PDB file of N, CA and C in Angstrom:
ATOM      1  N   UNK A   1     113.012  67.679 153.999  1.00  0.00           N
ATOM      2  CA  UNK A   1     113.705  68.446 153.266  1.00  0.00           C
ATOM      3  C   UNK A   1     112.914  69.586 152.670  1.00  0.00           C
ATOM      4  N   UNK A   2     113.362  70.831 152.418  1.00  0.00           N
ATOM      5  CA  UNK A   2     112.767  71.982 151.998  1.00  0.00           C
ATOM      6  C   UNK A   2     112.506  72.036 150.518  1.00  0.00           C
ATOM      7  N   UNK A   3     111.337  72.581 150.099  1.00  0.00           N
ATOM      8  CA  UNK A   3     110.931  72.640 148.674  1.00  0.00           C
ATOM      9  C   UNK A   3     112.050  73.433 148.028  1.00  0.00           C
ATOM     10  N   UNK A   4     111.982  73.325 146.756  1.00  0.00           N
ATOM     11  CA  UNK A   4     112.837  74.007 145.864  1.00  0.00           C
ATOM     12  C   UNK A   4     112.431  75.475 146.074  1.00  0.00           C
ATOM     13  N   UNK A   5     113.424  76.434 146.272  1.00  0.00           N
ATOM     14  CA  UNK A   5     113.179  77.709 146.501  1.00  0.00           C
ATOM     15  C   UNK A   5     112.933  78.115 147.826  1.00  0.00           C
ATOM     16  N   UNK A   6     112.828  77.152 148.841  1.00  0.00           N
ATOM     17  CA  UNK A   6     112.500  77.577 150.163  1.00  0.00           C
ATOM     18  C   UNK A   6     113.826  77.237 150.885  1.00  0.00           C
ATOM     19  N   UNK A   7     114.139  78.106 151.934  1.00  0.00           N
ATOM     20  CA  UNK A   7     115.377  78.004 152.615  1.00  0.00           C
ATOM     21  C   UNK A   7     115.193  77.272 153.978  1.00  0.00           C
ATOM     22  N   UNK A   8     116.209  76.551 154.343  1.00  0.00           N
ATOM     23  CA  UNK A   8     116.120  75.750 155.563  1.00  0.00           C
ATOM     24  C   UNK A   8     116.165  76.702 156.738  1.00  0.00           C
ATOM     25  N   UNK A   9     116.770  77.817 156.538  1.00  0.00           N
ATOM     26  CA  UNK A   9     116.725  78.566 157.766  1.00  0.00           C
ATOM     27  C   UNK A   9     115.704  79.712 157.822  1.00  0.00           C
ATOM     28  N   UNK A  10     114.944  79.968 158.998  1.00  0.00           N
ATOM     29  CA  UNK A  10     113.873  80.753 159.044  1.00  0.00           C
ATOM     30  C   UNK A  10     114.142  82.080 158.662  1.00  0.00           C
ATOM     31  N   UNK A  11     115.321  82.696 159.023  1.00  0.00           N
ATOM     32  CA  UNK A  11     115.856  83.886 158.696  1.00  0.00           C
ATOM     33  C   UNK A  11     116.001  84.217 157.359  1.00  0.00           C
ATOM     34  N   UNK A  12     116.504  83.512 156.601  1.00  0.00           N
ATOM     35  CA  UNK A  12     116.733  83.501 155.101  1.00  0.00           C
ATOM     36  C   UNK A  12     115.434  83.441 154.309  1.00  0.00           C
ATOM     37  N   UNK A  13     114.422  82.540 155.107  1.00  0.00           N
ATOM     38  CA  UNK A  13     113.264  82.637 154.575  1.00  0.00           C
ATOM     39  C   UNK A  13     112.293  83.978 154.500  1.00  0.00           C
ATOM     40  N   UNK A  14     112.583  84.432 155.658  1.00  0.00           N
ATOM     41  CA  UNK A  14     111.980  85.723 155.959  1.00  0.00           C
ATOM     42  C   UNK A  14     112.427  86.795 154.983  1.00  0.00           C
ATOM     43  N   UNK A  15     113.905  86.617 154.835  1.00  0.00           N
ATOM     44  CA  UNK A  15     114.488  87.716 154.027  1.00  0.00           C
ATOM     45  C   UNK A  15     114.017  87.671 152.494  1.00  0.00           C
ATOM     46  N   UNK A  16     114.073  86.340 152.025  1.00  0.00           N
ATOM     47  CA  UNK A  16     113.531  86.162 150.665  1.00  0.00           C
ATOM     48  C   UNK A  16     112.235  86.601 150.365  1.00  0.00           C
ATOM     49  N   UNK A  17     111.299  86.342 151.203  1.00  0.00           N
ATOM     50  CA  UNK A  17     109.723  86.790 151.363  1.00  0.00           C
ATOM     51  C   UNK A  17     109.864  88.362 151.216  1.00  0.00           C
ATOM     52  N   UNK A  18     110.596  89.038 152.221  1.00  0.00           N
ATOM     53  CA  UNK A  18     110.612  90.469 152.165  1.00  0.00           C
ATOM     54  C   UNK A  18     111.169  90.925 150.796  1.00  0.00           C
ATOM     55  N   UNK A  19     112.075  90.366 150.227  1.00  0.00           N
ATOM     56  CA  UNK A  19     112.829  90.847 148.913  1.00  0.00           C
ATOM     57  C   UNK A  19     111.739  90.592 147.773  1.00  0.00           C
ATOM     58  N   UNK A  20     111.016  89.442 147.848  1.00  0.00           N
ATOM     59  CA  UNK A  20     109.961  89.164 146.831  1.00  0.00           C
ATOM     60  C   UNK A  20     108.818  90.366 146.985  1.00  0.00           C
ATOM     61  N   UNK A  21     108.383  90.713 148.082  1.00  0.00           N
ATOM     62  CA  UNK A  21     107.521  91.654 148.362  1.00  0.00           C
ATOM     63  C   UNK A  21     107.866  92.925 147.749  1.00  0.00           C
ATOM     64  N   UNK A  22     109.161  93.261 148.229  1.00  0.00           N
ATOM     65  CA  UNK A  22     109.837  94.683 147.704  1.00  0.00           C
ATOM     66  C   UNK A  22     109.860  94.750 146.143  1.00  0.00           C
ATOM     67  N   UNK A  23     110.237  93.530 145.540  1.00  0.00           N
ATOM     68  CA  UNK A  23     110.285  93.511 144.102  1.00  0.00           C
ATOM     69  C   UNK A  23     109.020  93.744 143.415  1.00  0.00           C
ATOM     70  N   UNK A  24     108.061  93.109 144.138  1.00  0.00           N
ATOM     71  CA  UNK A  24     106.783  93.178 143.699  1.00  0.00           C
ATOM     72  C   UNK A  24     106.219  94.640 143.621  1.00  0.00           C
ATOM     73  N   UNK A  25     106.454  95.345 144.788  1.00  0.00           N
ATOM     74  CA  UNK A  25     106.083  96.643 144.946  1.00  0.00           C
ATOM     75  C   UNK A  25     106.775  97.534 143.806  1.00  0.00           C
ATOM     76  N   UNK A  26     108.012  97.276 143.720  1.00  0.00           N
ATOM     77  CA  UNK A  26     108.897  97.947 142.631  1.00  0.00           C
ATOM     78  C   UNK A  26     108.240  97.886 141.293  1.00  0.00           C
ATOM     79  N   UNK A  27     107.832  96.723 140.915  1.00  0.00           N
ATOM     80  CA  UNK A  27     107.479  96.475 139.513  1.00  0.00           C
ATOM     81  C   UNK A  27     105.926  97.299 139.457  1.00  0.00           C
ATOM     82  N   UNK A  28     105.267  97.212 140.548  1.00  0.00           N
ATOM     83  CA  UNK A  28     103.772  97.991 140.516  1.00  0.00           C
ATOM     84  C   UNK A  28     104.176  99.551 140.282  1.00  0.00           C
ATOM     85  N   UNK A  29     105.146  99.901 141.061  1.00  0.00           N
ATOM     86  CA  UNK A  29     105.338 101.428 140.937  1.00  0.00           C
ATOM     87  C   UNK A  29     105.966 101.812 139.512  1.00  0.00           C
ATOM     88  N   UNK A  30     106.680 100.854 138.981  1.00  0.00           N
ATOM     89  CA  UNK A  30     107.241 101.079 137.561  1.00  0.00           C
ATOM     90  C   UNK A  30     106.141 101.122 136.631  1.00  0.00           C
ATOM     91  N   UNK A  31     105.271 100.277 136.683  1.00  0.00           N
ATOM     92  CA  UNK A  31     104.183 100.380 135.806  1.00  0.00           C
ATOM     93  C   UNK A  31     103.310 101.390 135.980  1.00  0.00           C
ATOM     94  N   UNK A  32     103.085 101.809 137.127  1.00  0.00           N
ATOM     95  CA  UNK A  32     102.180 103.093 137.559  1.00  0.00           C
ATOM     96  C   UNK A  32     103.069 104.370 136.851  1.00  0.00           C
ATOM     97  N   UNK A  33     104.325 104.490 137.012  1.00  0.00           N
ATOM     98  CA  UNK A  33     104.989 105.525 136.329  1.00  0.00           C
ATOM     99  C   UNK A  33     105.103 105.340 134.929  1.00  0.00           C
ATOM    100  N   UNK A  34     105.090 104.218 134.219  1.00  0.00           N
ATOM    101  CA  UNK A  34     104.982 104.231 132.811  1.00  0.00           C
ATOM    102  C   UNK A  34     103.616 104.577 132.273  1.00  0.00           C
ATOM    103  N   UNK A  35     102.481 104.175 133.121  1.00  0.00           N
ATOM    104  CA  UNK A  35     101.074 104.689 132.812  1.00  0.00           C
ATOM    105  C   UNK A  35     101.040 106.307 132.740  1.00  0.00           C
ATOM    106  N   UNK A  36     101.527 106.827 133.787  1.00  0.00           N
ATOM    107  CA  UNK A  36     101.474 108.275 133.953  1.00  0.00           C
ATOM    108  C   UNK A  36     102.347 108.917 132.966  1.00  0.00           C
ATOM    109  N   UNK A  37     103.494 108.533 132.428  1.00  0.00           N
ATOM    110  CA  UNK A  37     104.378 108.980 131.603  1.00  0.00           C
ATOM    111  C   UNK A  37     103.490 108.854 130.246  1.00  0.00           C
ATOM    112  N   UNK A  38     103.001 107.684 129.920  1.00  0.00           N
ATOM    113  CA  UNK A  38     102.328 107.652 128.850  1.00  0.00           C
ATOM    114  C   UNK A  38     101.048 108.617 128.570  1.00  0.00           C
ATOM    115  N   UNK A  39     100.431 108.767 129.591  1.00  0.00           N
ATOM    116  CA  UNK A  39      99.145 109.603 129.616  1.00  0.00           C
ATOM    117  C   UNK A  39      99.663 111.096 129.391  1.00  0.00           C
ATOM    118  N   UNK A  40     100.749 111.547 129.989  1.00  0.00           N
ATOM    119  CA  UNK A  40     101.205 112.783 129.718  1.00  0.00           C
ATOM    120  C   UNK A  40     101.730 113.002 128.345  1.00  0.00           C
ATOM    121  N   UNK A  41     102.514 112.045 127.812  1.00  0.00           N
ATOM    122  CA  UNK A  41     102.939 112.063 126.446  1.00  0.00           C
ATOM    123  C   UNK A  41     101.885 112.263 125.341  1.00  0.00           C
ATOM    124  N   UNK A  42     100.829 111.392 125.601  1.00  0.00           N
ATOM    125  CA  UNK A  42      99.671 111.172 124.764  1.00  0.00           C
ATOM    126  C   UNK A  42      98.827 112.543 124.755  1.00  0.00           C
ATOM    127  N   UNK A  43      98.693 113.193 125.937  1.00  0.00           N
ATOM    128  CA  UNK A  43      98.168 114.491 126.091  1.00  0.00           C
ATOM    129  C   UNK A  43      98.948 115.641 125.316  1.00  0.00           C
ATOM    130  N   UNK A  44     100.164 115.363 125.043  1.00  0.00           N
ATOM    131  CA  UNK A  44     100.950 116.764 124.493  1.00  0.00           C
ATOM    132  C   UNK A  44     101.482 116.407 123.245  1.00  0.00           C
ATOM    133  N   UNK A  45     101.164 115.087 122.705  1.00  0.00           N
ATOM    134  CA  UNK A  45     101.920 114.657 121.447  1.00  0.00           C
ATOM    135  C   UNK A  45     100.984 115.001 120.271  1.00  0.00           C
ATOM    136  N   UNK A  46     101.444 115.472 119.220  1.00  0.00           N
ATOM    137  CA  UNK A  46     100.791 115.641 118.103  1.00  0.00           C
ATOM    138  C   UNK A  46     101.419 114.895 116.879  1.00  0.00           C
ATOM    139  N   UNK A  47     100.902 114.060 115.990  1.00  0.00           N
ATOM    140  CA  UNK A  47     101.588 113.325 115.085  1.00  0.00           C
ATOM    141  C   UNK A  47     101.777 114.132 113.982  1.00  0.00           C
ATOM    142  N   UNK A  48     103.180 114.076 113.504  1.00  0.00           N
ATOM    143  CA  UNK A  48     103.477 115.140 112.254  1.00  0.00           C
ATOM    144  C   UNK A  48     103.634 114.257 110.968  1.00  0.00           C
ATOM    145  N   UNK A  49     102.971 114.663 109.958  1.00  0.00           N
ATOM    146  CA  UNK A  49     103.252 114.050 108.800  1.00  0.00           C
ATOM    147  C   UNK A  49     103.352 114.968 107.698  1.00  0.00           C
ATOM    148  N   UNK A  50     104.157 114.625 106.613  1.00  0.00           N
ATOM    149  CA  UNK A  50     104.629 115.469 105.537  1.00  0.00           C
ATOM    150  C   UNK A  50     103.921 114.790 104.220  1.00  0.00           C
ATOM    151  N   UNK A  51     103.664 115.614 103.293  1.00  0.00           N
ATOM    152  CA  UNK A  51     103.352 115.022 101.968  1.00  0.00           C
ATOM    153  C   UNK A  51     104.434 115.035 101.064  1.00  0.00           C
ATOM    154  N   UNK A  52     104.224 114.384 100.044  1.00  0.00           N
ATOM    155  CA  UNK A  52     105.463 114.393  99.055  1.00  0.00           C
ATOM    156  C   UNK A  52     105.203 115.951  98.283  1.00  0.00           C
ATOM    157  N   UNK A  53     106.345 116.679  98.144  1.00  0.00           N
ATOM    158  CA  UNK A  53     106.475 117.905  97.607  1.00  0.00           C
ATOM    159  C   UNK A  53     106.306 118.968  98.704  1.00  0.00           C
ATOM    160  N   UNK A  54     106.095 118.564  99.831  1.00  0.00           N
ATOM    161  CA  UNK A  54     106.177 119.467 101.039  1.00  0.00           C
ATOM    162  C   UNK A  54     107.819 119.891 101.235  1.00  0.00           C
ATOM    163  N   UNK A  55     107.898 121.127 101.705  1.00  0.00           N
ATOM    164  CA  UNK A  55     109.217 121.675 102.043  1.00  0.00           C
ATOM    165  C   UNK A  55     109.410 121.666 103.595  1.00  0.00           C
ATOM    166  N   UNK A  56     110.485 121.228 103.916  1.00  0.00           N
ATOM    167  CA  UNK A  56     110.791 120.988 105.461  1.00  0.00           C
ATOM    168  C   UNK A  56     112.134 121.575 105.565  1.00  0.00           C
ATOM    169  N   UNK A  57     112.297 121.773 106.968  1.00  0.00           N
ATOM    170  CA  UNK A  57     113.766 122.194 107.464  1.00  0.00           C
ATOM    171  C   UNK A  57     114.252 120.772 107.974  1.00  0.00           C
ATOM    172  N   UNK A  58     115.618 120.739 108.121  1.00  0.00           N
ATOM    173  CA  UNK A  58     116.243 119.659 108.449  1.00  0.00           C
ATOM    174  C   UNK A  58     117.384 119.975 109.692  1.00  0.00           C
ATOM    175  N   UNK A  59     117.041 119.454 110.850  1.00  0.00           N
ATOM    176  CA  UNK A  59     117.805 119.491 112.072  1.00  0.00           C
ATOM    177  C   UNK A  59     118.908 118.446 112.109  1.00  0.00           C
ATOM    178  N   UNK A  60     120.256 118.795 112.052  1.00  0.00           N
ATOM    179  CA  UNK A  60     121.234 117.875 111.921  1.00  0.00           C
ATOM    180  C   UNK A  60     121.752 117.491 113.340  1.00  0.00           C
ATOM    181  N   UNK A  61     121.209 118.025 114.248  1.00  0.00           N
ATOM    182  CA  UNK A  61     121.771 117.701 115.751  1.00  0.00           C
ATOM    183  C   UNK A  61     123.311 117.917 115.837  1.00  0.00           C
ATOM    184  N   UNK A  62     123.879 116.816 116.288  1.00  0.00           N
ATOM    185  CA  UNK A  62     125.292 117.111 116.601  1.00  0.00           C
ATOM    186  C   UNK A  62     126.109 116.418 115.490  1.00  0.00           C
ATOM    187  N   UNK A  63     125.526 116.556 114.139  1.00  0.00           N
ATOM    188  CA  UNK A  63     126.068 115.983 113.050  1.00  0.00           C
ATOM    189  C   UNK A  63     126.511 117.142 112.026  1.00  0.00           C
ATOM    190  N   UNK A  64     127.660 117.812 112.276  1.00  0.00           N
ATOM    191  CA  UNK A  64     127.719 118.875 111.257  1.00  0.00           C
ATOM    192  C   UNK A  64     128.383 118.302 109.913  1.00  0.00           C
ATOM    193  N   UNK A  65     127.730 118.983 108.967  1.00  0.00           N
ATOM    194  CA  UNK A  65     127.955 118.548 107.502  1.00  0.00           C
ATOM    195  C   UNK A  65     128.706 119.760 106.625  1.00  0.00           C
ATOM    196  N   UNK A  66     129.804 119.686 106.432  1.00  0.00           N
ATOM    197  CA  UNK A  66     130.513 120.642 105.804  1.00  0.00           C
ATOM    198  C   UNK A  66     129.844 121.317 104.696  1.00  0.00           C
ATOM    199  N   UNK A  67     129.199 120.690 103.644  1.00  0.00           N
ATOM    200  CA  UNK A  67     128.664 121.001 102.635  1.00  0.00           C
ATOM    201  C   UNK A  67     127.210 121.695 102.894  1.00  0.00           C
ATOM    202  N   UNK A  68     126.715 121.632 104.169  1.00  0.00           N
ATOM    203  CA  UNK A  68     125.777 122.474 104.591  1.00  0.00           C
ATOM    204  C   UNK A  68     125.797 123.531 105.498  1.00  0.00           C
ATOM    205  N   UNK A  69     127.105 123.482 106.128  1.00  0.00           N
ATOM    206  CA  UNK A  69     127.443 124.522 107.286  1.00  0.00           C
ATOM    207  C   UNK A  69     127.625 125.933 106.621  1.00  0.00           C
ATOM    208  N   UNK A  70     127.282 126.941 107.501  1.00  0.00           N
ATOM    209  CA  UNK A  70     127.655 128.133 107.217  1.00  0.00           C
ATOM    210  C   UNK A  70     128.667 128.640 108.067  1.00  0.00           C
ATOM    211  N   UNK A  71     129.171 129.757 107.672  1.00  0.00           N
ATOM    212  CA  UNK A  71     130.560 130.263 108.295  1.00  0.00           C
ATOM    213  C   UNK A  71     130.299 130.553 109.816  1.00  0.00           C
ATOM    214  N   UNK A  72     129.036 130.819 110.190  1.00  0.00           N
ATOM    215  CA  UNK A  72     128.762 131.043 111.561  1.00  0.00           C
ATOM    216  C   UNK A  72     128.818 129.744 112.462  1.00  0.00           C
ATOM    217  N   UNK A  73     129.491 129.798 113.316  1.00  0.00           N
ATOM    218  CA  UNK A  73     129.655 128.390 114.401  1.00  0.00           C
ATOM    219  C   UNK A  73     129.140 128.781 115.609  1.00  0.00           C
ATOM    220  N   UNK A  74     128.926 127.669 116.345  1.00  0.00           N
ATOM    221  CA  UNK A  74     128.538 127.740 117.987  1.00  0.00           C
ATOM    222  C   UNK A  74     127.220 128.064 118.022  1.00  0.00           C
ATOM    223  N   UNK A  75     126.892 128.855 119.106  1.00  0.00           N
ATOM    224  CA  UNK A  75     125.624 129.403 119.485  1.00  0.00           C
ATOM    225  C   UNK A  75     124.821 130.096 118.259  1.00  0.00           C
ATOM    226  N   UNK A  76     125.594 130.862 117.496  1.00  0.00           N
ATOM    227  CA  UNK A  76     124.902 131.656 116.520  1.00  0.00           C
ATOM    228  C   UNK A  76     124.666 130.998 115.080  1.00  0.00           C
ATOM    229  N   UNK A  77     125.078 129.576 115.155  1.00  0.00           N
ATOM    230  CA  UNK A  77     124.943 128.786 113.976  1.00  0.00           C
ATOM    231  C   UNK A  77     123.428 128.497 113.740  1.00  0.00           C
ATOM    232  N   UNK A  78     122.890 128.297 112.510  1.00  0.00           N
ATOM    233  CA  UNK A  78     121.584 128.103 112.410  1.00  0.00           C
ATOM    234  C   UNK A  78     121.244 126.614 112.990  1.00  0.00           C
ATOM    235  N   UNK A  79     120.157 126.352 113.342  1.00  0.00           N
ATOM    236  CA  UNK A  79     119.606 125.077 114.139  1.00  0.00           C
ATOM    237  C   UNK A  79     118.998 124.183 113.102  1.00  0.00           C
ATOM    238  N   UNK A  80     118.489 124.817 111.968  1.00  0.00           N
ATOM    239  CA  UNK A  80     117.912 123.944 110.945  1.00  0.00           C
ATOM    240  C   UNK A  80     118.500 124.330 109.572  1.00  0.00           C
ATOM    241  N   UNK A  81     118.627 123.628 108.611  1.00  0.00           N
ATOM    242  CA  UNK A  81     119.272 123.702 107.295  1.00  0.00           C
ATOM    243  C   UNK A  81     118.133 123.596 106.292  1.00  0.00           C
ATOM    244  N   UNK A  82     118.203 124.150 105.193  1.00  0.00           N
ATOM    245  CA  UNK A  82     117.084 123.931 104.115  1.00  0.00           C
ATOM    246  C   UNK A  82     116.504 125.253 103.719  1.00  0.00           C
ATOM    247  N   UNK A  83     115.323 125.193 103.289  1.00  0.00           N
ATOM    248  CA  UNK A  83     114.404 124.003 103.272  1.00  0.00           C
ATOM    249  C   UNK A  83     114.691 123.250 102.265  1.00  0.00           C
ATOM    250  N   UNK A  84     114.329 121.843 102.348  1.00  0.00           N
ATOM    251  CA  UNK A  84     114.354 120.870 101.400  1.00  0.00           C
ATOM    252  C   UNK A  84     113.130 120.148 101.043  1.00  0.00           C
ATOM    253  N   UNK A  85     112.943 119.755  99.891  1.00  0.00           N
ATOM    254  CA  UNK A  85     111.702 119.092  99.457  1.00  0.00           C
ATOM    255  C   UNK A  85     111.471 117.615  99.871  1.00  0.00           C
ATOM    256  N   UNK A  86     110.415 117.230 100.317  1.00  0.00           N
ATOM    257  CA  UNK A  86     110.158 115.784 100.539  1.00  0.00           C
ATOM    258  C   UNK A  86     109.847 115.188  99.012  1.00  0.00           C
ATOM    259  N   UNK A  87     110.522 114.024  98.783  1.00  0.00           N
ATOM    260  CA  UNK A  87     110.615 113.339  97.715  1.00  0.00           C
ATOM    261  C   UNK A  87     109.733 111.921  97.945  1.00  0.00           C
ATOM    262  N   UNK A  88     109.875 111.464  98.991  1.00  0.00           N
ATOM    263  CA  UNK A  88     109.244 110.147  99.191  1.00  0.00           C
ATOM    264  C   UNK A  88     108.942 109.906 100.880  1.00  0.00           C
ATOM    265  N   UNK A  89     107.781 109.376 101.077  1.00  0.00           N
ATOM    266  CA  UNK A  89     107.493 108.680 102.444  1.00  0.00           C
ATOM    267  C   UNK A  89     107.928 107.345 102.475  1.00  0.00           C
ATOM    268  N   UNK A  90     108.714 107.116 103.637  1.00  0.00           N
ATOM    269  CA  UNK A  90     109.224 105.680 103.900  1.00  0.00           C
ATOM    270  C   UNK A  90     108.707 105.379 105.042  1.00  0.00           C
ATOM    271  N   UNK A  91     107.892 104.454 105.057  1.00  0.00           N
ATOM    272  CA  UNK A  91     107.000 103.979 106.418  1.00  0.00           C
ATOM    273  C   UNK A  91     106.296 105.026 106.996  1.00  0.00           C
ATOM    274  N   UNK A  92     106.194 104.818 108.388  1.00  0.00           N
ATOM    275  CA  UNK A  92     105.323 105.772 108.992  1.00  0.00           C
ATOM    276  C   UNK A  92     106.079 106.993 109.437  1.00  0.00           C
ATOM    277  N   UNK A  93     107.369 106.912 109.688  1.00  0.00           N
ATOM    278  CA  UNK A  93     108.099 108.041 110.396  1.00  0.00           C
ATOM    279  C   UNK A  93     109.313 108.491 109.681  1.00  0.00           C
ATOM    280  N   UNK A  94     109.629 108.043 108.365  1.00  0.00           N
ATOM    281  CA  UNK A  94     110.862 108.391 107.560  1.00  0.00           C
ATOM    282  C   UNK A  94     110.646 109.222 106.273  1.00  0.00           C
ATOM    283  N   UNK A  95     111.349 110.044 105.881  1.00  0.00           N
ATOM    284  CA  UNK A  95     111.088 110.605 104.553  1.00  0.00           C
ATOM    285  C   UNK A  95     112.345 110.838 103.791  1.00  0.00           C
ATOM    286  N   UNK A  96     112.296 110.752 102.449  1.00  0.00           N
ATOM    287  CA  UNK A  96     113.368 110.784 101.550  1.00  0.00           C
ATOM    288  C   UNK A  96     113.349 112.320 101.039  1.00  0.00           C
ATOM    289  N   UNK A  97     114.470 113.190 101.539  1.00  0.00           N
ATOM    290  CA  UNK A  97     114.478 114.406 101.072  1.00  0.00           C
ATOM    291  C   UNK A  97     115.459 114.813  99.795  1.00  0.00           C
ATOM    292  N   UNK A  98     115.024 115.684  99.078  1.00  0.00           N
ATOM    293  CA  UNK A  98     115.884 116.171  97.810  1.00  0.00           C
ATOM    294  C   UNK A  98     117.019 117.077  98.341  1.00  0.00           C
ATOM    295  N   UNK A  99     118.172 116.471  98.597  1.00  0.00           N
ATOM    296  CA  UNK A  99     119.270 117.213  98.990  1.00  0.00           C
ATOM    297  C   UNK A  99     120.131 117.657  97.993  1.00  0.00           C
ATOM    298  N   UNK A 100     120.850 118.775  97.999  1.00  0.00           N
ATOM    299  CA  UNK A 100     121.857 119.220  97.036  1.00  0.00           C
ATOM    300  C   UNK A 100     122.941 118.132  96.696  1.00  0.00           C
ATOM    301  N   UNK A 101     123.167 118.149  95.420  1.00  0.00           N
ATOM    302  CA  UNK A 101     124.319 117.111  94.962  1.00  0.00           C
ATOM    303  C   UNK A 101     125.549 117.147  95.774  1.00  0.00           C
ATOM    304  N   UNK A 102     126.003 118.326  96.252  1.00  0.00           N
ATOM    305  CA  UNK A 102     127.053 118.406  96.935  1.00  0.00           C
ATOM    306  C   UNK A 102     127.157 117.881  98.178  1.00  0.00           C
ATOM    307  N   UNK A 103     125.987 117.499  98.898  1.00  0.00           N
ATOM    308  CA  UNK A 103     126.014 116.828 100.317  1.00  0.00           C
ATOM    309  C   UNK A 103     126.274 115.498 100.200  1.00  0.00           C
ATOM    310  N   UNK A 104     127.008 115.116 100.979  1.00  0.00           N
ATOM    311  CA  UNK A 104     127.430 113.672 101.110  1.00  0.00           C
ATOM    312  C   UNK A 104     126.856 112.838 102.391  1.00  0.00           C
ATOM    313  N   UNK A 105     125.547 113.154 102.517  1.00  0.00           N
ATOM    314  CA  UNK A 105     124.876 112.406 103.691  1.00  0.00           C
ATOM    315  C   UNK A 105     123.702 111.494 103.101  1.00  0.00           C
ATOM    316  N   UNK A 106     123.273 110.856 103.833  1.00  0.00           N
ATOM    317  CA  UNK A 106     122.103 109.972 103.444  1.00  0.00           C
ATOM    318  C   UNK A 106     120.899 110.816 103.403  1.00  0.00           C
ATOM    319  N   UNK A 107     119.973 110.522 102.360  1.00  0.00           N
ATOM    320  CA  UNK A 107     118.978 111.420 102.333  1.00  0.00           C
ATOM    321  C   UNK A 107     117.663 110.962 102.775  1.00  0.00           C
ATOM    322  N   UNK A 108     117.652 109.997 103.804  1.00  0.00           N
ATOM    323  CA  UNK A 108     116.410 109.676 104.455  1.00  0.00           C
ATOM    324  C   UNK A 108     116.500 110.026 105.977  1.00  0.00           C
ATOM    325  N   UNK A 109     115.541 110.715 106.470  1.00  0.00           N
ATOM    326  CA  UNK A 109     115.561 111.130 107.807  1.00  0.00           C
ATOM    327  C   UNK A 109     114.256 111.015 108.585  1.00  0.00           C
ATOM    328  N   UNK A 110     114.251 110.770 109.858  1.00  0.00           N
ATOM    329  CA  UNK A 110     113.187 110.561 110.800  1.00  0.00           C
ATOM    330  C   UNK A 110     112.462 111.933 110.788  1.00  0.00           C
ATOM    331  N   UNK A 111     111.161 111.557 111.059  1.00  0.00           N
ATOM    332  CA  UNK A 111     110.285 112.869 111.252  1.00  0.00           C
ATOM    333  C   UNK A 111     110.617 113.811 112.302  1.00  0.00           C
ATOM    334  N   UNK A 112     111.353 113.171 113.422  1.00  0.00           N
ATOM    335  CA  UNK A 112     111.710 113.945 114.804  1.00  0.00           C
ATOM    336  C   UNK A 112     112.873 115.030 114.295  1.00  0.00           C
ATOM    337  N   UNK A 113     113.511 114.926 113.160  1.00  0.00           N
ATOM    338  CA  UNK A 113     114.534 115.905 112.784  1.00  0.00           C
ATOM    339  C   UNK A 113     114.034 116.730 111.656  1.00  0.00           C
ATOM    340  N   UNK A 114     112.780 116.619 111.275  1.00  0.00           N
ATOM    341  CA  UNK A 114     112.155 117.602 110.313  1.00  0.00           C
ATOM    342  C   UNK A 114     111.118 118.471 110.906  1.00  0.00           C
ATOM    343  N   UNK A 115     111.093 119.697 110.267  1.00  0.00           N
ATOM    344  CA  UNK A 115     110.174 120.845 110.586  1.00  0.00           C
ATOM    345  C   UNK A 115     109.445 121.405 109.497  1.00  0.00           C
ATOM    346  N   UNK A 116     108.200 121.604 109.633  1.00  0.00           N
ATOM    347  CA  UNK A 116     107.407 122.140 108.417  1.00  0.00           C
ATOM    348  C   UNK A 116     107.979 123.433 108.066  1.00  0.00           C
ATOM    349  N   UNK A 117     108.195 123.755 106.863  1.00  0.00           N
ATOM    350  CA  UNK A 117     108.656 125.026 106.289  1.00  0.00           C
ATOM    351  C   UNK A 117     107.392 125.890 105.803  1.00  0.00           C
ATOM    352  N   UNK A 118     107.312 127.129 106.400  1.00  0.00           N
ATOM    353  CA  UNK A 118     106.063 127.944 106.016  1.00  0.00           C
ATOM    354  C   UNK A 118     106.800 129.095 105.364  1.00  0.00           C
ATOM    355  N   UNK A 119     106.331 129.343 104.196  1.00  0.00           N
ATOM    356  CA  UNK A 119     107.049 130.373 103.145  1.00  0.00           C
ATOM    357  C   UNK A 119     106.552 130.409 101.902  1.00  0.00           C
TER     358      UNK A 119
END
C-alpha cells in the first residue's frame, strides 16, 4: 500500500512531484520579489512626523466634505484642505487635528493624508 500522500499511479506521482517543485519555485520567486520591493521602498521612504502645534494640510482623497469644500469642483478643486493645527499624536502614525466646529468628520487622520504646511 502506498504511503499517505503517495499516489499508486506513477503518472500521478510524477505530476504531484512537478507540481510541488513548481509551487516551491513560485514561493522562492515571491520572496525574492518581496525583498526587492522592500529594498526599493526603504531606499525611497522617509518617515514623516509632526509635533503638537504644527500646521498641516489635509488630503481628503475621495471623501468630499461639504463643510470643507470650495465652489470649485473636479480637476480644479484643491487637493488639500486647511491648514489645520495638530492637537495630539495618537500612536506612531495618527494625529488629531483641530478642525472647525462646522465640520462633521472624525478628527483623527493617518499621517499618509497629511502634509506639512510651510508658511
